[in-house]
C-alpha atoms as a PDB file:
ATOM      1  CA  MET A   1      19.378  63.103  45.689  1.00  0.00           C
ATOM      2  CA  HIS A   2      21.176  65.867  43.854  1.00  0.00           C
ATOM      3  CA  HIS A   3      19.890  66.599  40.416  1.00  0.00           C
ATOM      4  CA  THR A   4      21.101  68.959  37.716  1.00  0.00           C
ATOM      5  CA  GLU A   5      19.685  69.941  34.376  1.00  0.00           C
ATOM      6  CA  SER A   6      21.200  72.212  31.783  1.00  0.00           C
ATOM      7  CA  ALA A   7      17.892  73.803  30.797  1.00  0.00           C
ATOM      8  CA  GLU A   8      16.070  76.352  32.915  1.00  0.00           C
ATOM      9  CA  PRO A   9      13.508  74.764  35.228  1.00  0.00           C
ATOM     10  CA  ARG A  10       9.984  75.147  33.910  1.00  0.00           C
ATOM     11  CA  THR A  11       7.516  77.260  35.828  1.00  0.00           C
ATOM     12  CA  LEU A  12       4.425  75.739  37.387  1.00  0.00           C
ATOM     13  CA  GLY A  13       1.744  75.086  34.826  1.00  0.00           C
ATOM     14  CA  ASP A  14       4.127  75.542  31.886  1.00  0.00           C
ATOM     15  CA  HIS A  15       3.438  72.914  29.244  1.00  0.00           C
ATOM     16  CA  THR A  16       5.080  74.695  26.320  1.00  0.00           C
ATOM     17  CA  TRP A  17       7.881  72.138  26.440  1.00  0.00           C
ATOM     18  CA  HIS A  18       5.405  69.653  24.896  1.00  0.00           C
ATOM     19  CA  ASN A  19       5.887  71.467  21.574  1.00  0.00           C
ATOM     20  CA  GLN A  20       9.552  70.402  21.530  1.00  0.00           C
ATOM     21  CA  ALA A  21       8.990  66.780  22.551  1.00  0.00           C
ATOM     22  CA  ALA A  22      10.204  64.018  20.239  1.00  0.00           C
ATOM     23  CA  CYS A  23       6.935  62.173  20.932  1.00  0.00           C
ATOM     24  CA  LEU A  24       4.823  65.039  19.553  1.00  0.00           C
ATOM     25  CA  SER A  25       2.849  63.560  16.695  1.00  0.00           C
ATOM     26  CA  THR A  26       2.729  65.645  13.518  1.00  0.00           C
ATOM     27  CA  PRO A  27       1.631  64.785   9.975  1.00  0.00           C
ATOM     28  CA  ALA A  28       5.302  64.593   8.961  1.00  0.00           C
ATOM     29  CA  HIS A  29       6.256  62.606  12.089  1.00  0.00           C
ATOM     30  CA  PRO A  30       3.333  60.469  13.287  1.00  0.00           C
ATOM     31  CA  VAL A  31       3.795  58.974  16.760  1.00  0.00           C
ATOM     32  CA  ASP A  32       1.337  56.546  18.301  1.00  0.00           C
ATOM     33  CA  PRO A  33       0.823  57.664  21.929  1.00  0.00           C
ATOM     34  CA  GLU A  34       0.066  54.056  22.880  1.00  0.00           C
ATOM     35  CA  LEU A  35       3.764  53.316  22.300  1.00  0.00           C
ATOM     36  CA  PHE A  36       4.415  54.922  25.700  1.00  0.00           C
ATOM     37  CA  PHE A  37       1.995  52.646  27.547  1.00  0.00           C
ATOM     38  CA  PRO A  38       3.388  49.171  26.931  1.00  0.00           C
ATOM     39  CA  GLU A  39       2.712  46.130  29.055  1.00  0.00           C
ATOM     40  CA  PRO A  40       5.746  45.084  31.148  1.00  0.00           C
ATOM     41  CA  ASP A  41       6.523  42.166  28.818  1.00  0.00           C
ATOM     42  CA  GLU A  42       6.343  44.235  25.599  1.00  0.00           C
ATOM     43  CA  LEU A  43      10.092  44.769  25.415  1.00  0.00           C
ATOM     44  CA  ASP A  44      10.119  45.865  21.761  1.00  0.00           C
ATOM     45  CA  ARG A  45       7.628  48.670  22.502  1.00  0.00           C
ATOM     46  CA  ILE A  46       9.585  49.682  25.586  1.00  0.00           C
ATOM     47  CA  ARG A  47      12.823  49.853  23.575  1.00  0.00           C
ATOM     48  CA  ALA A  48      11.114  51.833  20.799  1.00  0.00           C
ATOM     49  CA  ALA A  49       9.653  54.355  23.261  1.00  0.00           C
ATOM     50  CA  LYS A  50      12.976  54.744  25.079  1.00  0.00           C
ATOM     51  CA  ALA A  51      14.790  55.221  21.743  1.00  0.00           C
ATOM     52  CA  LEU A  52      12.450  58.107  20.926  1.00  0.00           C
ATOM     53  CA  CYS A  53      12.969  59.548  24.414  1.00  0.00           C
ATOM     54  CA  ALA A  54      16.751  59.260  24.040  1.00  0.00           C
ATOM     55  CA  GLN A  55      16.702  61.797  21.200  1.00  0.00           C
ATOM     56  CA  CYS A  56      14.237  64.143  22.884  1.00  0.00           C
ATOM     57  CA  PRO A  57      15.487  67.672  23.709  1.00  0.00           C
ATOM     58  CA  VAL A  58      13.047  67.988  26.644  1.00  0.00           C
ATOM     59  CA  ARG A  59      13.481  64.523  28.137  1.00  0.00           C
ATOM     60  CA  GLN A  60      14.575  65.828  31.563  1.00  0.00           C
ATOM     61  CA  THR A  61      11.710  68.324  31.683  1.00  0.00           C
ATOM     62  CA  CYS A  62       9.299  65.498  30.817  1.00  0.00           C
ATOM     63  CA  LEU A  63      10.713  63.376  33.641  1.00  0.00           C
ATOM     64  CA  ASP A  64      10.508  66.276  36.113  1.00  0.00           C
ATOM     65  CA  ALA A  65       6.910  67.001  35.094  1.00  0.00           C
ATOM     66  CA  ALA A  66       5.949  63.343  35.571  1.00  0.00           C
ATOM     67  CA  LEU A  67       7.571  63.223  39.003  1.00  0.00           C
ATOM     68  CA  GLU A  68       6.101  66.528  40.150  1.00  0.00           C
ATOM     69  CA  ALA A  69       2.621  65.561  38.960  1.00  0.00           C
ATOM     70  CA  GLY A  70       2.856  62.106  40.514  1.00  0.00           C
ATOM     71  CA  ASP A  71       2.370  60.561  37.059  1.00  0.00           C
ATOM     72  CA  ARG A  72       3.250  56.906  37.525  1.00  0.00           C
ATOM     73  CA  ASP A  73       1.810  55.532  34.265  1.00  0.00           C
ATOM     74  CA  GLY A  74       3.679  54.854  31.050  1.00  0.00           C
ATOM     75  CA  ILE A  75       7.135  55.813  29.894  1.00  0.00           C
ATOM     76  CA  ARG A  76       8.088  59.368  30.801  1.00  0.00           C
ATOM     77  CA  GLY A  77      11.451  61.061  30.387  1.00  0.00           C
ATOM     78  CA  GLY A  78      12.914  57.851  29.008  1.00  0.00           C
ATOM     79  CA  MET A  79      12.027  55.801  32.083  1.00  0.00           C
ATOM     80  CA  THR A  80       9.465  53.090  32.692  1.00  0.00           C
ATOM     81  CA  GLU A  81       7.056  53.165  35.623  1.00  0.00           C
ATOM     82  CA  GLU A  82       9.300  50.763  37.539  1.00  0.00           C
ATOM     83  CA  GLU A  83      12.427  52.825  36.851  1.00  0.00           C
ATOM     84  CA  ARG A  84      10.718  56.025  38.041  1.00  0.00           C
ATOM     85  CA  ASP A  85       9.380  54.470  41.227  1.00  0.00           C
ATOM     86  CA  PRO A  86      12.501  55.170  43.363  1.00  0.00           C
ATOM     87  CA  LEU A  87      12.566  58.746  42.030  1.00  0.00           C
ATOM     88  CA  HIS A  88       8.922  59.206  43.034  1.00  0.00           C
ATOM     89  CA  ARG A  89       9.674  57.872  46.525  1.00  0.00           C
ATOM     90  CA  ASN A  90      12.691  60.173  46.972  1.00  0.00           C
ATOM     91  CA  LEU A  91      11.416  63.287  45.198  1.00  0.00           C
ATOM     92  CA  HIS A  92      11.021  65.184  48.479  1.00  0.00           C
ATOM     93  CA  ARG A  93      14.821  65.018  48.889  1.00  0.00           C
ATOM     94  CA  ARG A  94      15.689  66.383  45.449  1.00  0.00           C
ATOM     95  CA  LEU A  95      17.987  69.392  45.747  1.00  0.00           C
ATOM     96  CA  ASP A  96      18.498  71.105  42.412  1.00  0.00           C
ATOM     97  CA  TYR A  97      20.204  74.474  42.773  1.00  0.00           C
ATOM     98  CA  ALA A  98      18.917  75.588  39.369  1.00  0.00           C
ATOM     99  CA  ARG A  99      15.407  75.385  40.895  1.00  0.00           C
ATOM    100  CA  VAL A 100      16.532  77.168  44.058  1.00  0.00           C
ATOM    101  CA  ASN A 101      18.181  79.953  42.058  1.00  0.00           C
ATOM    102  CA  ALA A 102      15.206  80.290  39.693  1.00  0.00           C
ATOM    103  CA  THR A 103      12.881  80.658  42.694  1.00  0.00           C
ATOM    104  CA  LEU A 104      15.129  83.266  44.283  1.00  0.00           C
ATOM    105  CA  ALA A 105      15.017  85.137  40.968  1.00  0.00           C
ATOM    106  CA  GLY A 106      11.218  85.241  41.276  1.00  0.00           C
ATOM    107  CA  ARG A 107      10.184  82.331  39.035  1.00  0.00           C
ATOM    108  CA  ASP A 108       7.299  80.071  40.060  1.00  0.00           C
ATOM    109  CA  ILE A 109       9.071  76.703  40.328  1.00  0.00           C
ATOM    110  CA  HIS A 110       7.887  73.397  41.816  1.00  0.00           C
ATOM    111  CA  LEU A 111      10.099  72.930  44.886  1.00  0.00           C
ATOM    112  CA  THR A 112      10.750  69.899  47.031  1.00  0.00           C
ATOM    113  CA  ASP A 113      11.090  70.150  50.807  1.00  0.00           C
ATOM    114  CA  ALA A 114      14.892  70.203  50.494  1.00  0.00           C
ATOM    115  CA  GLU A 115      14.740  72.945  47.865  1.00  0.00           C
ATOM    116  CA  ARG A 116      12.348  75.024  49.994  1.00  0.00           C
ATOM    117  CA  ARG A 117      14.826  74.795  52.891  1.00  0.00           C
ATOM    118  CA  ALA A 118      17.657  75.860  50.561  1.00  0.00           C
ATOM    119  CA  VAL A 119      15.623  78.840  49.302  1.00  0.00           C
ATOM    120  CA  THR A 120      14.877  79.874  52.894  1.00  0.00           C
ATOM    121  CA  ARG A 121      18.508  79.617  53.969  1.00  0.00           C
ATOM    122  CA  ALA A 122      19.861  81.467  50.916  1.00  0.00           C
ATOM    123  CA  ALA A 123      17.227  84.192  51.283  1.00  0.00           C
ATOM    124  CA  TYR A 124      18.036  84.564  54.988  1.00  0.00           C
ATOM    125  CA  GLN A 125      21.767  84.795  54.284  1.00  0.00           C
ATOM    126  CA  ALA A 126      21.116  87.431  51.612  1.00  0.00           C
ATOM    127  CA  GLY A 127      18.907  89.503  53.913  1.00  0.00           C
ATOM    128  CA  VAL A 128      15.765  88.994  51.833  1.00  0.00           C
ATOM    129  CA  PRO A 129      12.770  90.370  53.778  1.00  0.00           C
ATOM    130  CA  ALA A 130      10.324  87.791  55.144  1.00  0.00           C
ATOM    131  CA  ALA A 131       7.551  89.336  53.035  1.00  0.00           C
ATOM    132  CA  ARG A 132       9.501  88.543  49.844  1.00  0.00           C
ATOM    133  CA  LEU A 133      10.289  84.997  51.046  1.00  0.00           C
ATOM    134  CA  ALA A 134       6.574  84.559  51.719  1.00  0.00           C
ATOM    135  CA  ARG A 135       5.788  85.518  48.102  1.00  0.00           C
ATOM    136  CA  LEU A 136       8.517  83.242  46.728  1.00  0.00           C
ATOM    137  CA  LEU A 137       7.328  80.222  48.710  1.00  0.00           C
ATOM    138  CA  LYS A 138       3.631  81.104  48.555  1.00  0.00           C
ATOM    139  CA  VAL A 139       3.233  81.082  52.316  1.00  0.00           C
ATOM    140  CA  THR A 140       2.080  83.672  54.823  1.00  0.00           C
ATOM    141  CA  GLU A 141       4.532  86.250  56.068  1.00  0.00           C
ATOM    142  CA  GLU A 142       4.179  84.723  59.540  1.00  0.00           C
ATOM    143  CA  HIS A 143       5.213  81.341  58.156  1.00  0.00           C
ATOM    144  CA  ALA A 144       8.181  82.929  56.363  1.00  0.00           C
ATOM    145  CA  GLU A 145       9.257  84.521  59.640  1.00  0.00           C
ATOM    146  CA  LYS A 146       8.961  81.118  61.327  1.00  0.00           C
ATOM    147  CA  ARG A 147      11.175  79.596  58.599  1.00  0.00           C
ATOM    148  CA  TYR A 148      13.743  82.355  59.218  1.00  0.00           C
ATOM    149  CA  ARG A 149      13.672  81.686  62.975  1.00  0.00           C
ATOM    150  CA  GLN A 150      14.354  78.028  62.241  1.00  0.00           C
ATOM    151  CA  VAL A 151      17.345  78.935  60.020  1.00  0.00           C
ATOM    152  CA  ARG A 152      18.682  81.257  62.748  1.00  0.00           C
ATOM    153  CA  ARG A 153      18.445  78.378  65.265  1.00  0.00           C
ATOM    154  CA  GLU A 154      20.233  75.994  62.862  1.00  0.00           C
ATOM    155  CA  ILE A 155      23.048  78.501  62.335  1.00  0.00           C
ATOM    156  CA  ARG A 156      23.312  79.213  66.082  1.00  0.00           C
ATOM    157  CA  ASN A 157      23.331  75.496  66.908  1.00  0.00           C
ATOM    158  CA  ARG A 158      26.109  74.874  64.396  1.00  0.00           C
ATOM    159  CA  SER A 159      28.240  77.599  65.957  1.00  0.00           C
ATOM    160  CA  VAL A 160      27.502  76.327  69.479  1.00  0.00           C
ATOM    161  CA  ASN A 161      28.412  72.786  68.441  1.00  0.00           C
ATOM    162  CA  GLY A 162      31.639  74.024  66.885  1.00  0.00           C
ATOM    163  CA  THR A 163      30.827  73.246  63.279  1.00  0.00           C
ATOM    164  CA  SER A 164      31.592  75.966  60.832  1.00  0.00           C
ATOM    165  CA  ASP A 165      28.783  77.375  58.746  1.00  0.00           C
ATOM    166  CA  GLN A 166      31.350  77.648  55.953  1.00  0.00           C
ATOM    167  CA  THR A 167      30.952  73.935  55.181  1.00  0.00           C
ATOM    168  CA  GLU A 168      27.585  74.606  53.588  1.00  0.00           C
ATOM    169  CA  THR A 169      27.354  74.436  49.801  1.00  0.00           C
ATOM    170  CA  TYR A 170      25.310  77.630  49.522  1.00  0.00           C
ATOM    171  CA  ARG A 171      26.719  80.726  47.854  1.00  0.00           C
ATOM    172  CA  ASP A 172      25.821  84.281  48.681  1.00  0.00           C
ATOM    173  CA  ASP A 173      25.592  85.301  45.027  1.00  0.00           C
ATOM    174  CA  PHE A 174      23.002  82.583  44.293  1.00  0.00           C
ATOM    175  CA  GLY A 175      25.271  81.193  41.591  1.00  0.00           C
ATOM    176  CA  THR A 176      25.377  77.516  40.864  1.00  0.00           C
ATOM    177  CA  ALA A 177      25.901  76.104  44.299  1.00  0.00           C
ATOM    178  CA  ALA A 178      26.393  72.490  43.301  1.00  0.00           C
END
């Protein structure tokens, strides 16, 4: 599942995006939080919640936060629990190069398995020391070295099997690789 977002990925533990949410209740704009927890047959409430989400500037961040936290209740990021279910099941395959690039730049980003592999490969190709990869992925240096050995084997196996490494969608400058 490839996923792109125009905004910068949020760092782990960052909840400042809540302050920009359309569902933030203020005296001038009261919002009943229960609106986002309708029963499946309460279609009017579901439509009302989704309409508010549709105008929200942080809708994608809200959806990402719900997926990353395993939050399966209520309407999040403009999607019902049932609509988010396939995203929850496939989250480990998400590959968002904005997240990969933000991690390579030193930001503390929630990464999926696919994104961790992309960070490892890009770091290896750029000659990033294993100690730095270890810090980026929050693993031991030994584990980072193991990840690099695995990338070396993958690259070697591709060349042995006659497939060009140039078919990869990674870029050496860590620019948008999608």
